[in-house]
N, C-alpha and C. Protein backbone atom coordinates (compact mmCIF):
# COMPACT_ATOMS: atom_id res chain seq x y z
N MET A 1 55.27 76.37 90.41
CA MET A 1 56.32 75.72 91.18
C MET A 1 55.69 75.02 92.36
N GLU A 2 56.23 73.90 92.79
CA GLU A 2 55.64 73.13 93.86
C GLU A 2 55.81 73.87 95.18
N SER A 3 54.85 73.66 96.08
CA SER A 3 54.95 74.33 97.37
C SER A 3 55.97 73.63 98.26
N ARG A 4 56.09 72.33 98.09
CA ARG A 4 57.05 71.59 98.91
C ARG A 4 58.12 71.04 97.99
N VAL A 5 59.35 71.44 98.21
CA VAL A 5 60.43 71.02 97.32
C VAL A 5 61.13 69.83 97.94
N GLU A 6 61.24 68.78 97.18
CA GLU A 6 61.89 67.57 97.69
C GLU A 6 63.30 67.46 97.12
N VAL A 7 64.14 66.75 97.85
CA VAL A 7 65.49 66.48 97.38
C VAL A 7 65.43 65.25 96.49
N ARG A 8 65.97 65.37 95.27
CA ARG A 8 65.92 64.26 94.34
C ARG A 8 67.33 63.87 93.94
N ASN A 9 67.53 62.59 93.65
CA ASN A 9 68.82 62.06 93.20
C ASN A 9 69.94 62.39 94.19
N GLY A 10 69.61 62.61 95.44
CA GLY A 10 70.63 62.94 96.42
C GLY A 10 71.22 64.33 96.25
N ARG A 11 70.65 65.13 95.36
CA ARG A 11 71.17 66.49 95.12
C ARG A 11 70.33 67.51 95.86
N THR A 12 71.01 68.46 96.48
CA THR A 12 70.31 69.58 97.10
C THR A 12 70.89 70.86 96.51
N LEU A 13 70.10 71.89 96.49
CA LEU A 13 70.56 73.17 95.95
C LEU A 13 71.70 73.75 96.79
N ARG A 14 71.77 73.34 98.03
CA ARG A 14 72.85 73.78 98.91
C ARG A 14 74.22 73.39 98.34
N GLN A 15 74.26 72.27 97.61
CA GLN A 15 75.53 71.84 97.00
C GLN A 15 76.03 72.85 95.98
N LEU A 16 75.12 73.58 95.35
CA LEU A 16 75.53 74.59 94.37
C LEU A 16 76.10 75.85 95.03
N ILE A 17 75.67 76.11 96.24
CA ILE A 17 76.08 77.35 96.91
C ILE A 17 77.54 77.29 97.32
N GLY A 18 77.94 76.19 97.92
CA GLY A 18 79.30 76.09 98.42
C GLY A 18 79.46 76.83 99.74
N PRO A 19 80.67 76.91 100.23
CA PRO A 19 80.94 77.59 101.51
C PRO A 19 80.95 79.11 101.34
N VAL A 20 79.82 79.75 101.54
CA VAL A 20 79.68 81.18 101.30
C VAL A 20 80.63 82.00 102.17
N GLY A 21 80.74 81.64 103.45
CA GLY A 21 81.59 82.40 104.36
C GLY A 21 83.06 82.35 103.99
N SER A 22 83.58 81.16 103.74
CA SER A 22 85.01 81.06 103.40
C SER A 22 85.30 81.64 102.02
N ASN A 23 84.34 81.56 101.11
CA ASN A 23 84.52 82.20 99.80
C ASN A 23 84.59 83.72 99.95
N TYR A 24 83.77 84.26 100.84
CA TYR A 24 83.82 85.70 101.09
C TYR A 24 85.19 86.10 101.66
N LEU A 25 85.67 85.33 102.64
CA LEU A 25 86.97 85.64 103.24
C LEU A 25 88.09 85.56 102.21
N ARG A 26 88.00 84.60 101.31
CA ARG A 26 89.04 84.44 100.28
C ARG A 26 89.08 85.68 99.38
N ARG A 27 87.94 86.30 99.14
CA ARG A 27 87.92 87.52 98.31
C ARG A 27 88.29 88.76 99.11
N ALA A 28 87.92 88.78 100.40
CA ALA A 28 88.10 89.99 101.21
C ALA A 28 89.53 90.15 101.72
N LEU A 29 90.25 89.04 101.88
CA LEU A 29 91.59 89.12 102.46
C LEU A 29 92.66 88.80 101.42
N PRO A 30 93.83 89.40 101.59
CA PRO A 30 94.92 89.10 100.64
C PRO A 30 95.33 87.63 100.73
N PRO A 31 95.87 87.09 99.63
CA PRO A 31 96.35 85.70 99.67
C PRO A 31 97.61 85.57 100.54
N THR A 32 97.99 84.34 100.81
CA THR A 32 99.12 84.05 101.69
C THR A 32 100.41 84.72 101.23
N TRP A 33 100.67 84.72 99.92
CA TRP A 33 101.92 85.28 99.43
C TRP A 33 102.00 86.79 99.73
N VAL A 34 100.86 87.49 99.70
CA VAL A 34 100.86 88.92 100.01
C VAL A 34 101.19 89.13 101.49
N TRP A 35 100.60 88.30 102.36
CA TRP A 35 100.92 88.38 103.79
C TRP A 35 102.41 88.13 104.00
N GLY A 36 102.97 87.18 103.26
CA GLY A 36 104.39 86.87 103.38
C GLY A 36 105.26 88.05 102.97
N VAL A 37 104.91 88.70 101.87
CA VAL A 37 105.68 89.87 101.41
C VAL A 37 105.58 91.00 102.42
N LEU A 38 104.37 91.25 102.93
CA LEU A 38 104.19 92.32 103.93
C LEU A 38 104.99 92.02 105.20
N THR A 39 104.99 90.77 105.63
CA THR A 39 105.75 90.39 106.82
C THR A 39 107.25 90.59 106.59
N LEU A 40 107.72 90.20 105.41
CA LEU A 40 109.14 90.38 105.09
C LEU A 40 109.51 91.86 105.08
N LEU A 41 108.67 92.70 104.47
CA LEU A 41 108.94 94.13 104.43
C LEU A 41 108.96 94.74 105.83
N LEU A 42 108.03 94.33 106.68
CA LEU A 42 108.02 94.84 108.06
C LEU A 42 109.24 94.36 108.83
N ALA A 43 109.66 93.11 108.59
CA ALA A 43 110.86 92.60 109.26
C ALA A 43 112.10 93.39 108.83
N LEU A 44 112.18 93.70 107.55
CA LEU A 44 113.31 94.51 107.06
C LEU A 44 113.25 95.92 107.63
N ALA A 45 112.05 96.49 107.72
CA ALA A 45 111.90 97.85 108.24
C ALA A 45 112.23 97.92 109.73
N LEU A 46 112.10 96.80 110.45
CA LEU A 46 112.44 96.78 111.87
C LEU A 46 113.92 97.12 112.09
N HIS A 47 114.76 96.82 111.10
CA HIS A 47 116.19 97.09 111.23
C HIS A 47 116.54 98.52 110.85
N GLY A 48 115.54 99.29 110.40
CA GLY A 48 115.77 100.69 110.03
C GLY A 48 115.29 101.62 111.13
N THR A 49 114.86 102.79 110.71
CA THR A 49 114.39 103.79 111.67
C THR A 49 112.91 103.58 111.97
N LEU A 50 112.45 104.20 113.04
CA LEU A 50 111.04 104.11 113.43
C LEU A 50 110.13 104.72 112.36
N PRO A 51 110.47 105.87 111.77
CA PRO A 51 109.62 106.41 110.70
C PRO A 51 109.52 105.47 109.48
N ALA A 52 110.62 104.78 109.16
CA ALA A 52 110.58 103.82 108.04
C ALA A 52 109.64 102.66 108.37
N LEU A 53 109.68 102.19 109.61
CA LEU A 53 108.78 101.13 110.04
C LEU A 53 107.33 101.60 109.99
N ALA A 54 107.09 102.83 110.44
CA ALA A 54 105.72 103.38 110.43
C ALA A 54 105.21 103.50 109.00
N ALA A 55 106.06 103.99 108.08
CA ALA A 55 105.64 104.14 106.69
C ALA A 55 105.32 102.77 106.07
N THR A 56 106.14 101.77 106.39
CA THR A 56 105.89 100.42 105.88
C THR A 56 104.58 99.87 106.44
N ALA A 57 104.32 100.11 107.72
CA ALA A 57 103.09 99.63 108.34
C ALA A 57 101.87 100.31 107.73
N VAL A 58 101.98 101.60 107.45
CA VAL A 58 100.86 102.34 106.84
C VAL A 58 100.55 101.77 105.46
N ILE A 59 101.58 101.55 104.67
CA ILE A 59 101.38 101.00 103.32
C ILE A 59 100.83 99.58 103.41
N GLY A 60 101.37 98.79 104.34
CA GLY A 60 100.87 97.42 104.52
C GLY A 60 99.42 97.38 104.94
N SER A 61 99.03 98.30 105.84
CA SER A 61 97.62 98.33 106.27
C SER A 61 96.71 98.73 105.11
N ALA A 62 97.19 99.62 104.25
CA ALA A 62 96.39 100.01 103.08
C ALA A 62 96.18 98.82 102.16
N VAL A 63 97.22 98.01 101.98
CA VAL A 63 97.11 96.83 101.12
C VAL A 63 96.06 95.87 101.67
N VAL A 64 96.11 95.61 102.98
CA VAL A 64 95.18 94.65 103.59
C VAL A 64 93.75 95.18 103.57
N VAL A 65 93.55 96.40 104.05
CA VAL A 65 92.21 96.94 104.21
C VAL A 65 91.54 97.21 102.87
N HIS A 66 92.33 97.60 101.88
CA HIS A 66 91.76 97.92 100.57
C HIS A 66 91.92 96.78 99.56
N TRP A 67 92.24 95.58 100.04
CA TRP A 67 92.45 94.46 99.12
C TRP A 67 91.26 94.19 98.20
N PRO A 68 90.01 94.19 98.69
CA PRO A 68 88.90 93.95 97.78
C PRO A 68 88.75 95.02 96.69
N ARG A 69 89.27 96.21 96.95
CA ARG A 69 89.19 97.31 95.98
C ARG A 69 90.59 97.65 95.47
N ARG A 70 91.39 96.61 95.23
CA ARG A 70 92.80 96.85 94.90
C ARG A 70 93.02 97.53 93.56
N GLY A 71 92.00 97.63 92.72
CA GLY A 71 92.14 98.36 91.46
C GLY A 71 92.26 99.86 91.67
N LEU A 72 91.77 100.33 92.81
CA LEU A 72 91.87 101.75 93.13
C LEU A 72 93.22 102.03 93.77
N LEU A 73 93.81 103.15 93.45
CA LEU A 73 95.14 103.45 93.96
C LEU A 73 95.13 104.32 95.21
N TRP A 74 93.97 104.77 95.67
CA TRP A 74 93.90 105.67 96.81
C TRP A 74 93.90 104.86 98.11
N PRO A 75 94.92 105.05 98.97
CA PRO A 75 95.00 104.24 100.20
C PRO A 75 94.19 104.78 101.37
N GLY A 76 93.56 105.91 101.22
CA GLY A 76 92.78 106.49 102.31
C GLY A 76 93.38 107.81 102.76
N HIS A 77 92.53 108.69 103.28
CA HIS A 77 92.95 110.04 103.64
C HIS A 77 94.00 110.07 104.75
N TRP A 78 93.72 109.37 105.86
CA TRP A 78 94.65 109.47 106.99
C TRP A 78 95.99 108.85 106.65
N ARG A 79 95.99 107.82 105.82
CA ARG A 79 97.27 107.22 105.43
C ARG A 79 98.10 108.18 104.57
N MET A 80 97.44 108.81 103.60
CA MET A 80 98.16 109.75 102.74
C MET A 80 98.67 110.94 103.55
N LEU A 81 97.82 111.47 104.42
CA LEU A 81 98.23 112.61 105.24
C LEU A 81 99.38 112.22 106.17
N GLY A 82 99.28 111.05 106.78
CA GLY A 82 100.34 110.57 107.68
C GLY A 82 101.66 110.39 106.95
N LEU A 83 101.62 109.78 105.76
CA LEU A 83 102.85 109.60 104.98
C LEU A 83 103.44 110.93 104.55
N LEU A 84 102.57 111.87 104.18
CA LEU A 84 103.04 113.18 103.76
C LEU A 84 103.73 113.92 104.91
N VAL A 85 103.09 113.94 106.08
CA VAL A 85 103.68 114.63 107.23
C VAL A 85 104.95 113.91 107.67
N LEU A 86 104.94 112.58 107.63
CA LEU A 86 106.14 111.82 107.99
C LEU A 86 107.29 112.13 107.03
N GLY A 87 106.97 112.24 105.75
CA GLY A 87 108.00 112.59 104.77
C GLY A 87 108.56 113.98 104.99
N VAL A 88 107.69 114.94 105.29
CA VAL A 88 108.15 116.31 105.56
C VAL A 88 109.01 116.34 106.81
N ALA A 89 108.58 115.62 107.86
CA ALA A 89 109.35 115.59 109.11
C ALA A 89 110.72 114.97 108.91
N ALA A 90 110.83 114.00 108.01
CA ALA A 90 112.12 113.34 107.75
C ALA A 90 113.09 114.24 107.02
N TRP A 91 112.57 115.23 106.30
CA TRP A 91 113.44 116.09 105.49
C TRP A 91 113.68 117.46 106.12
N VAL A 92 113.46 117.58 107.43
CA VAL A 92 113.75 118.83 108.13
C VAL A 92 115.26 119.07 108.05
N PRO A 93 115.70 120.25 107.55
CA PRO A 93 117.13 120.48 107.32
C PRO A 93 117.99 120.33 108.58
N GLU A 94 117.57 120.92 109.68
CA GLU A 94 118.35 120.82 110.91
C GLU A 94 117.44 120.34 112.04
N PRO A 95 117.32 119.02 112.20
CA PRO A 95 116.40 118.51 113.23
C PRO A 95 116.88 118.88 114.63
N ASP A 96 115.92 119.21 115.48
CA ASP A 96 116.22 119.47 116.88
C ASP A 96 115.43 118.48 117.74
N VAL A 97 115.50 118.64 119.03
CA VAL A 97 114.83 117.69 119.93
C VAL A 97 113.32 117.70 119.71
N LEU A 98 112.75 118.88 119.50
CA LEU A 98 111.31 118.99 119.31
C LEU A 98 110.86 118.27 118.03
N SER A 99 111.59 118.47 116.93
CA SER A 99 111.21 117.80 115.67
C SER A 99 111.43 116.29 115.77
N ASP A 100 112.46 115.87 116.52
CA ASP A 100 112.66 114.43 116.73
C ASP A 100 111.52 113.83 117.52
N TRP A 101 111.06 114.53 118.57
CA TRP A 101 109.92 114.04 119.35
C TRP A 101 108.66 113.97 118.49
N PHE A 102 108.46 114.99 117.69
CA PHE A 102 107.29 115.01 116.81
C PHE A 102 107.32 113.82 115.85
N GLU A 103 108.48 113.59 115.23
CA GLU A 103 108.62 112.48 114.29
C GLU A 103 108.40 111.14 114.99
N HIS A 104 108.96 111.02 116.20
CA HIS A 104 108.79 109.78 116.97
C HIS A 104 107.31 109.57 117.34
N GLY A 105 106.66 110.62 117.84
CA GLY A 105 105.25 110.51 118.21
C GLY A 105 104.35 110.21 117.03
N LEU A 106 104.63 110.86 115.91
CA LEU A 106 103.85 110.60 114.70
C LEU A 106 104.04 109.17 114.23
N SER A 107 105.27 108.68 114.30
CA SER A 107 105.55 107.30 113.88
C SER A 107 104.80 106.29 114.75
N VAL A 108 104.83 106.52 116.06
CA VAL A 108 104.11 105.62 116.98
C VAL A 108 102.60 105.68 116.72
N ALA A 109 102.08 106.89 116.49
CA ALA A 109 100.64 107.04 116.20
C ALA A 109 100.27 106.32 114.91
N LEU A 110 101.09 106.45 113.87
CA LEU A 110 100.80 105.79 112.60
C LEU A 110 100.91 104.27 112.72
N LEU A 111 101.89 103.79 113.49
CA LEU A 111 101.99 102.35 113.74
C LEU A 111 100.74 101.83 114.44
N SER A 112 100.28 102.56 115.45
CA SER A 112 99.08 102.15 116.21
C SER A 112 97.84 102.18 115.33
N LEU A 113 97.67 103.25 114.56
CA LEU A 113 96.52 103.35 113.66
C LEU A 113 96.53 102.23 112.61
N SER A 114 97.70 101.94 112.07
CA SER A 114 97.81 100.89 111.06
C SER A 114 97.44 99.53 111.63
N ALA A 115 97.99 99.22 112.80
CA ALA A 115 97.66 97.93 113.45
C ALA A 115 96.18 97.86 113.80
N ALA A 116 95.63 98.95 114.33
CA ALA A 116 94.21 98.96 114.71
C ALA A 116 93.32 98.80 113.48
N SER A 117 93.67 99.45 112.37
CA SER A 117 92.82 99.36 111.18
C SER A 117 92.85 97.95 110.59
N VAL A 118 94.02 97.31 110.59
CA VAL A 118 94.10 95.94 110.09
C VAL A 118 93.32 94.99 110.99
N LEU A 119 93.50 95.13 112.31
CA LEU A 119 92.78 94.26 113.24
C LEU A 119 91.27 94.44 113.12
N ALA A 120 90.81 95.69 113.04
CA ALA A 120 89.37 95.94 112.90
C ALA A 120 88.84 95.36 111.61
N TYR A 121 89.60 95.49 110.52
CA TYR A 121 89.17 94.95 109.23
C TYR A 121 89.09 93.43 109.28
N LEU A 122 90.09 92.78 109.88
CA LEU A 122 90.08 91.32 109.97
C LEU A 122 88.90 90.82 110.80
N LEU A 123 88.64 91.48 111.92
CA LEU A 123 87.51 91.09 112.77
C LEU A 123 86.18 91.29 112.05
N GLN A 124 86.06 92.41 111.34
CA GLN A 124 84.82 92.69 110.60
C GLN A 124 84.61 91.67 109.49
N ALA A 125 85.67 91.34 108.76
CA ALA A 125 85.56 90.36 107.67
C ALA A 125 85.19 88.99 108.22
N ARG A 126 85.79 88.61 109.33
CA ARG A 126 85.49 87.31 109.95
C ARG A 126 84.05 87.26 110.42
N ARG A 127 83.60 88.35 111.07
CA ARG A 127 82.21 88.40 111.56
C ARG A 127 81.21 88.31 110.41
N LEU A 128 81.50 89.05 109.32
CA LEU A 128 80.60 89.04 108.17
C LEU A 128 80.59 87.67 107.50
N ALA A 129 81.74 87.03 107.41
CA ALA A 129 81.80 85.69 106.82
C ALA A 129 80.99 84.69 107.63
N MET A 130 81.08 84.79 108.95
CA MET A 130 80.30 83.89 109.80
C MET A 130 78.81 84.14 109.65
N ARG A 131 78.42 85.44 109.55
CA ARG A 131 77.00 85.76 109.38
C ARG A 131 76.48 85.27 108.03
N LEU A 132 77.29 85.44 106.98
CA LEU A 132 76.88 84.96 105.66
C LEU A 132 76.67 83.45 105.68
N GLN A 133 77.61 82.72 106.30
CA GLN A 133 77.50 81.27 106.34
C GLN A 133 76.30 80.84 107.17
N ALA A 134 76.08 81.52 108.29
CA ALA A 134 74.93 81.17 109.14
C ALA A 134 73.62 81.41 108.38
N ALA A 135 73.53 82.52 107.65
CA ALA A 135 72.32 82.81 106.88
C ALA A 135 72.12 81.77 105.78
N ALA A 136 73.20 81.39 105.11
CA ALA A 136 73.10 80.39 104.05
C ALA A 136 72.68 79.03 104.62
N ASP A 137 73.16 78.70 105.80
CA ASP A 137 72.84 77.41 106.41
C ASP A 137 71.38 77.30 106.84
N THR A 138 70.73 78.45 107.07
CA THR A 138 69.34 78.40 107.51
C THR A 138 68.35 78.31 106.35
N MET A 139 68.83 78.51 105.12
CA MET A 139 67.92 78.51 103.97
C MET A 139 67.63 77.08 103.51
N ASP A 140 66.34 76.77 103.40
CA ASP A 140 65.96 75.45 102.89
C ASP A 140 65.80 75.51 101.36
N GLU A 141 65.47 74.37 100.77
CA GLU A 141 65.35 74.28 99.31
C GLU A 141 64.33 75.27 98.75
N GLN A 142 63.19 75.37 99.43
CA GLN A 142 62.15 76.28 98.95
C GLN A 142 62.63 77.72 98.96
N ARG A 143 63.27 78.13 100.05
CA ARG A 143 63.78 79.50 100.16
C ARG A 143 64.85 79.77 99.09
N LEU A 144 65.71 78.79 98.84
CA LEU A 144 66.75 78.97 97.82
C LEU A 144 66.13 79.16 96.45
N LEU A 145 65.08 78.41 96.14
CA LEU A 145 64.41 78.57 94.85
C LEU A 145 63.72 79.93 94.74
N GLN A 146 63.18 80.42 95.85
CA GLN A 146 62.52 81.73 95.83
C GLN A 146 63.50 82.87 95.58
N LEU A 147 64.76 82.68 95.92
CA LEU A 147 65.76 83.72 95.70
C LEU A 147 66.10 83.91 94.23
N LEU A 148 65.83 82.88 93.42
CA LEU A 148 66.28 82.89 92.03
C LEU A 148 65.23 83.50 91.10
N PRO A 149 65.71 84.12 90.01
CA PRO A 149 64.77 84.53 88.96
C PRO A 149 64.11 83.27 88.37
N GLU A 150 63.00 83.45 87.69
CA GLU A 150 62.21 82.32 87.21
C GLU A 150 63.02 81.35 86.34
N GLU A 151 63.81 81.89 85.41
CA GLU A 151 64.59 81.03 84.52
C GLU A 151 65.65 80.25 85.29
N ALA A 152 66.32 80.93 86.22
CA ALA A 152 67.34 80.25 87.02
C ALA A 152 66.72 79.19 87.92
N ALA A 153 65.52 79.46 88.44
CA ALA A 153 64.84 78.47 89.28
C ALA A 153 64.50 77.22 88.46
N ALA A 154 64.10 77.42 87.21
CA ALA A 154 63.81 76.27 86.35
C ALA A 154 65.08 75.46 86.09
N HIS A 155 66.19 76.15 85.85
CA HIS A 155 67.47 75.45 85.65
C HIS A 155 67.89 74.71 86.93
N ALA A 156 67.60 75.32 88.08
CA ALA A 156 67.96 74.69 89.35
C ALA A 156 67.17 73.39 89.54
N LEU A 157 65.89 73.42 89.19
CA LEU A 157 65.09 72.19 89.30
C LEU A 157 65.60 71.11 88.35
N ARG A 158 65.99 71.53 87.13
CA ARG A 158 66.54 70.56 86.18
C ARG A 158 67.88 70.02 86.68
N TRP A 159 68.70 70.89 87.28
CA TRP A 159 70.00 70.42 87.80
C TRP A 159 69.76 69.39 88.90
N ARG A 160 68.78 69.67 89.77
CA ARG A 160 68.51 68.74 90.86
C ARG A 160 68.04 67.39 90.33
N ASP A 161 67.43 67.40 89.13
CA ASP A 161 66.98 66.14 88.52
C ASP A 161 68.09 65.45 87.73
N GLY A 162 69.29 66.07 87.67
CA GLY A 162 70.42 65.41 87.03
C GLY A 162 71.01 66.11 85.82
N ASP A 163 70.44 67.24 85.39
CA ASP A 163 70.95 67.97 84.22
C ASP A 163 72.08 68.91 84.65
N ASP A 164 73.31 68.60 84.22
CA ASP A 164 74.48 69.40 84.61
C ASP A 164 74.88 70.43 83.57
N SER A 165 74.07 70.64 82.55
CA SER A 165 74.47 71.52 81.44
C SER A 165 74.70 72.97 81.88
N ARG A 166 74.01 73.43 82.91
CA ARG A 166 74.17 74.82 83.37
C ARG A 166 74.70 74.89 84.80
N ALA A 167 75.40 73.86 85.23
CA ALA A 167 75.82 73.77 86.64
C ALA A 167 76.71 74.92 87.06
N GLN A 168 77.69 75.28 86.23
CA GLN A 168 78.62 76.35 86.63
C GLN A 168 77.92 77.70 86.75
N GLU A 169 77.13 78.05 85.72
CA GLU A 169 76.41 79.32 85.77
C GLU A 169 75.43 79.35 86.94
N LEU A 170 74.78 78.23 87.16
CA LEU A 170 73.80 78.13 88.23
C LEU A 170 74.47 78.28 89.60
N ALA A 171 75.66 77.71 89.75
CA ALA A 171 76.38 77.84 91.02
C ALA A 171 76.71 79.30 91.30
N VAL A 172 77.12 80.05 90.28
CA VAL A 172 77.44 81.47 90.46
C VAL A 172 76.18 82.25 90.84
N VAL A 173 75.09 82.00 90.14
CA VAL A 173 73.83 82.71 90.42
C VAL A 173 73.33 82.38 91.83
N MET A 174 73.40 81.11 92.20
CA MET A 174 72.96 80.70 93.55
C MET A 174 73.81 81.37 94.62
N HIS A 175 75.11 81.36 94.41
CA HIS A 175 76.04 81.95 95.37
C HIS A 175 75.73 83.44 95.56
N LEU A 176 75.57 84.16 94.46
CA LEU A 176 75.27 85.59 94.53
C LEU A 176 73.91 85.86 95.17
N ALA A 177 72.93 85.04 94.83
CA ALA A 177 71.59 85.22 95.39
C ALA A 177 71.60 85.03 96.90
N VAL A 178 72.31 84.02 97.36
CA VAL A 178 72.38 83.76 98.81
C VAL A 178 73.12 84.89 99.51
N MET A 179 74.23 85.35 98.92
CA MET A 179 74.96 86.46 99.53
C MET A 179 74.10 87.72 99.59
N HIS A 180 73.38 87.99 98.51
CA HIS A 180 72.51 89.17 98.48
C HIS A 180 71.43 89.06 99.56
N ALA A 181 70.80 87.90 99.66
CA ALA A 181 69.75 87.71 100.66
C ALA A 181 70.30 87.82 102.08
N ALA A 182 71.50 87.31 102.29
CA ALA A 182 72.09 87.35 103.63
C ALA A 182 72.52 88.77 104.01
N LEU A 183 72.96 89.55 103.02
CA LEU A 183 73.44 90.90 103.29
C LEU A 183 72.31 91.93 103.33
N ALA A 184 71.18 91.65 102.71
CA ALA A 184 70.10 92.63 102.59
C ALA A 184 69.66 93.21 103.94
N PRO A 185 69.41 92.41 104.98
CA PRO A 185 69.00 93.02 106.27
C PRO A 185 70.10 93.90 106.84
N HIS A 186 71.36 93.51 106.68
CA HIS A 186 72.49 94.29 107.21
C HIS A 186 72.58 95.63 106.49
N VAL A 187 72.41 95.63 105.18
CA VAL A 187 72.50 96.86 104.41
C VAL A 187 71.35 97.80 104.75
N ARG A 188 70.14 97.27 104.89
CA ARG A 188 69.00 98.11 105.24
C ARG A 188 69.19 98.73 106.62
N GLY A 189 69.70 97.93 107.58
CA GLY A 189 69.94 98.43 108.93
C GLY A 189 71.01 99.51 108.95
N ALA A 190 72.06 99.33 108.16
CA ALA A 190 73.13 100.33 108.10
C ALA A 190 72.61 101.62 107.48
N GLY A 191 71.76 101.50 106.48
CA GLY A 191 71.17 102.68 105.84
C GLY A 191 70.32 103.47 106.81
N ARG A 192 69.54 102.78 107.63
CA ARG A 192 68.71 103.46 108.63
C ARG A 192 69.58 104.17 109.66
N ARG A 193 70.68 103.52 110.09
CA ARG A 193 71.56 104.15 111.08
C ARG A 193 72.20 105.40 110.52
N HIS A 194 72.58 105.39 109.22
CA HIS A 194 73.23 106.56 108.64
C HIS A 194 72.25 107.72 108.48
N ARG A 195 70.96 107.41 108.29
CA ARG A 195 69.98 108.48 108.10
C ARG A 195 69.66 109.17 109.42
N VAL A 196 69.84 108.47 110.54
CA VAL A 196 69.49 109.03 111.85
C VAL A 196 70.47 110.10 112.26
């Protein structure tokens, strides 16, 4: 492979990558229609009781935070425990002032936790998307070719010369390779922190 990679036919390998950061956000966050449904449900719950609003917020936060893993049905330990205790508190046979205060306090705590978890997830996803895009923007043609397996690198050189026969597959491979390279330092650093 050449040591200095030139841009030919006005094509650069960067064109195959696409917007890595916004593509990540599109996968990490629910689509607009899901946000609309969640907003509608919260608006309806506002007209009910505080525990109903808290339960709706907990379920909504689970949908947002676990969107990338939506095939799994487990919403998280604290959410399940909170919903369970909230359900038990709602079915107390003869509520008194103490049980009402407990239910109110639990509802406020669950609302706060739900809002905080969604906000933290959104900020983390945005930060990671920006980091991915910044890492992708710093990679030159030579670095992009080095990320690819030998066969994919050969296809990339042919694509740059005008051969579009493997363009779609190559775009997927390039996108994944760039994301992997951008995330690798972050994953290694997180692993070291967990071992300490």
